[in-house]
Every structure is written in structure tokens, then in C-alpha cells.
Amino acid sequence: MSVAQQETVTIVETNPHKFKLDAGEIYKRKQFIALASAKLKEVTDDVNSSTTKGKLDRDKRDVKPKKKKKSFNFFLFMFLIPRRS
């Protein structure tokens, strides 16, 4: 739990009537914060893992540059076609 989250929970626990929350609701919300924080850490660790970074590096190497389309030179075309008399 982050410092800001902990401060918020402490404020609510100190004066639950102000926020119209009972002990059960505060407990559920603390559990939600704990679960969400754990999941966020899990995802962050996965994204920052060496396996993920290796996959990104391999993908960057494997990307083949797009071939440029050959543009047709209109002026060259005009010189190559026979003119009608």
C-alpha cells in the first residue's frame, strides 16, 4: 500500500462516521487496496522482467523494413510511349 493510500485509510478509520462507513466496509476496501496493489506489482514485475525485455528485443530485430513501392516516373513514361502523328 502506498503512503497516500495508507494516509487515506488512516483518515477514514479515525472518523468512519464522517464517511458513512462501518468497520466491515472499511475492511473490504482495505482488502481491495491490498489485492489491487499486489496485482499491480505482479504486472509491473512481469513487464520489467528480463523475459519480456528479451522478447521485445527479439521482436525489434525481427521486424523487416517495408519495401518501398517503386514509383512510376511519369516523365520517363511520356518519353517511352510512341507518339501518334
C-alpha atoms as a PDB file:
ATOM      1  CA  MET A   1       0.000   0.000   0.000  1.00  0.00           C
ATOM      2  CA  SER A   2       1.381   3.396  -0.927  1.00  0.00           C
ATOM      3  CA  VAL A   3       1.880   6.177   1.579  1.00  0.00           C
ATOM      4  CA  ALA A   4      -1.051   8.141   0.135  1.00  0.00           C
ATOM      5  CA  GLN A   5      -3.314   5.097   0.345  1.00  0.00           C
ATOM      6  CA  GLN A   6      -2.232   4.410   3.923  1.00  0.00           C
ATOM      7  CA  GLU A   7      -2.876   8.032   4.903  1.00  0.00           C
ATOM      8  CA  THR A   8      -6.342   7.883   3.338  1.00  0.00           C
ATOM      9  CA  VAL A   9      -7.206   4.659   5.170  1.00  0.00           C
ATOM     10  CA  THR A  10      -5.981   6.134   8.452  1.00  0.00           C
ATOM     11  CA  ILE A  11      -8.161   9.229   7.975  1.00  0.00           C
ATOM     12  CA  VAL A  12     -11.223   7.094   7.272  1.00  0.00           C
ATOM     13  CA  GLU A  13     -10.501   4.725  10.177  1.00  0.00           C
ATOM     14  CA  THR A  14     -10.135   7.702  12.530  1.00  0.00           C
ATOM     15  CA  ASN A  15     -13.546   9.105  11.635  1.00  0.00           C
ATOM     16  CA  PRO A  16     -15.677   6.476   9.840  1.00  0.00           C
ATOM     17  CA  HIS A  17     -18.973   8.254  10.612  1.00  0.00           C
ATOM     18  CA  LYS A  18     -17.871  11.271   8.592  1.00  0.00           C
ATOM     19  CA  PHE A  19     -17.548   8.997   5.550  1.00  0.00           C
ATOM     20  CA  LYS A  20     -20.611   6.918   6.464  1.00  0.00           C
ATOM     21  CA  LEU A  21     -18.639   3.673   6.515  1.00  0.00           C
ATOM     22  CA  ASP A  22     -18.810   0.846   9.019  1.00  0.00           C
ATOM     23  CA  ALA A  23     -15.910  -1.376  10.077  1.00  0.00           C
ATOM     24  CA  GLY A  24     -16.903  -4.101   7.606  1.00  0.00           C
ATOM     25  CA  GLU A  25     -16.885  -1.728   4.651  1.00  0.00           C
ATOM     26  CA  ILE A  26     -13.527  -0.278   5.677  1.00  0.00           C
ATOM     27  CA  TYR A  27     -12.127  -3.811   5.931  1.00  0.00           C
ATOM     28  CA  LYS A  28     -13.430  -4.687   2.439  1.00  0.00           C
ATOM     29  CA  ARG A  29     -11.902  -1.543   0.986  1.00  0.00           C
ATOM     30  CA  LYS A  30      -8.552  -2.240   2.649  1.00  0.00           C
ATOM     31  CA  GLN A  31      -8.632  -5.757   1.198  1.00  0.00           C
ATOM     32  CA  PHE A  32      -9.398  -4.333  -2.244  1.00  0.00           C
ATOM     33  CA  ILE A  33      -6.448  -1.931  -1.981  1.00  0.00           C
ATOM     34  CA  ALA A  34      -4.162  -4.775  -0.901  1.00  0.00           C
ATOM     35  CA  LEU A  35      -5.277  -7.051  -3.745  1.00  0.00           C
ATOM     36  CA  ALA A  36      -5.060  -4.284  -6.350  1.00  0.00           C
ATOM     37  CA  SER A  37      -1.590  -3.282  -5.126  1.00  0.00           C
ATOM     38  CA  ALA A  38      -0.399  -6.888  -5.273  1.00  0.00           C
ATOM     39  CA  LYS A  39      -1.768  -7.331  -8.808  1.00  0.00           C
ATOM     40  CA  LEU A  40      -0.170  -4.065  -9.934  1.00  0.00           C
ATOM     41  CA  LYS A  41       3.192  -5.203  -8.535  1.00  0.00           C
ATOM     42  CA  GLU A  42       2.814  -8.564 -10.296  1.00  0.00           C
ATOM     43  CA  VAL A  43       2.070  -6.915 -13.650  1.00  0.00           C
ATOM     44  CA  THR A  44       4.854  -4.352 -13.217  1.00  0.00           C
ATOM     45  CA  ASP A  45       7.353  -7.097 -12.367  1.00  0.00           C
ATOM     46  CA  ASP A  46       6.222  -9.096 -15.399  1.00  0.00           C
ATOM     47  CA  VAL A  47       6.565  -6.124 -17.752  1.00  0.00           C
ATOM     48  CA  ASN A  48      10.012  -5.309 -16.365  1.00  0.00           C
ATOM     49  CA  SER A  49      11.241  -8.918 -16.397  1.00  0.00           C
ATOM     50  CA  SER A  50      14.230  -9.986 -18.449  1.00  0.00           C
ATOM     51  CA  THR A  51      11.980 -12.416 -20.345  1.00  0.00           C
ATOM     52  CA  THR A  52       9.701  -9.603 -21.510  1.00  0.00           C
ATOM     53  CA  LYS A  53      12.632  -7.326 -22.382  1.00  0.00           C
ATOM     54  CA  GLY A  54      14.240 -10.157 -24.341  1.00  0.00           C
ATOM     55  CA  LYS A  55      11.008 -10.728 -26.263  1.00  0.00           C
ATOM     56  CA  LEU A  56      10.768  -7.028 -27.116  1.00  0.00           C
ATOM     57  CA  ASP A  57      14.384  -7.011 -28.310  1.00  0.00           C
ATOM     58  CA  ARG A  58      13.792 -10.099 -30.486  1.00  0.00           C
ATOM     59  CA  ASP A  59      10.648  -8.558 -31.939  1.00  0.00           C
ATOM     60  CA  LYS A  60      12.516  -5.361 -32.816  1.00  0.00           C
ATOM     61  CA  ARG A  61      15.208  -7.369 -34.609  1.00  0.00           C
ATOM     62  CA  ASP A  62      12.665  -9.485 -36.461  1.00  0.00           C
ATOM     63  CA  VAL A  63      10.703  -6.564 -37.865  1.00  0.00           C
ATOM     64  CA  LYS A  64      11.511  -6.323 -41.512  1.00  0.00           C
ATOM     65  CA  PRO A  65      11.544  -2.885 -43.074  1.00  0.00           C
ATOM     66  CA  LYS A  66       8.770  -2.249 -45.520  1.00  0.00           C
ATOM     67  CA  LYS A  67       9.802  -2.279 -49.121  1.00  0.00           C
ATOM     68  CA  LYS A  68       9.303   0.991 -50.824  1.00  0.00           C
ATOM     69  CA  LYS A  69       6.912   0.928 -53.685  1.00  0.00           C
ATOM     70  CA  LYS A  70       8.592   1.735 -56.898  1.00  0.00           C
ATOM     71  CA  SER A  71       7.154   4.943 -58.118  1.00  0.00           C
ATOM     72  CA  PHE A  72       6.424   5.191 -61.769  1.00  0.00           C
ATOM     73  CA  ASN A  73       8.187   8.081 -63.331  1.00  0.00           C
ATOM     74  CA  PHE A  74       5.540   9.811 -65.403  1.00  0.00           C
ATOM     75  CA  PHE A  75       8.053  11.836 -67.369  1.00  0.00           C
ATOM     76  CA  LEU A  76      10.021   8.748 -68.330  1.00  0.00           C
ATOM     77  CA  PHE A  77       6.781   7.111 -69.410  1.00  0.00           C
ATOM     78  CA  MET A  78       5.960  10.063 -71.663  1.00  0.00           C
ATOM     79  CA  PHE A  79       9.262   9.637 -73.488  1.00  0.00           C
ATOM     80  CA  LEU A  80       8.917   5.890 -73.890  1.00  0.00           C
ATOM     81  CA  ILE A  81       5.478   5.716 -75.473  1.00  0.00           C
ATOM     82  CA  PRO A  82       5.342   6.320 -79.177  1.00  0.00           C
ATOM     83  CA  ARG A  83       3.580   9.491 -80.179  1.00  0.00           C
ATOM     84  CA  ARG A  84       0.821   9.468 -82.702  1.00  0.00           C
ATOM     85  CA  SER A  85       1.316  11.609 -85.694  1.00  0.00           C
END
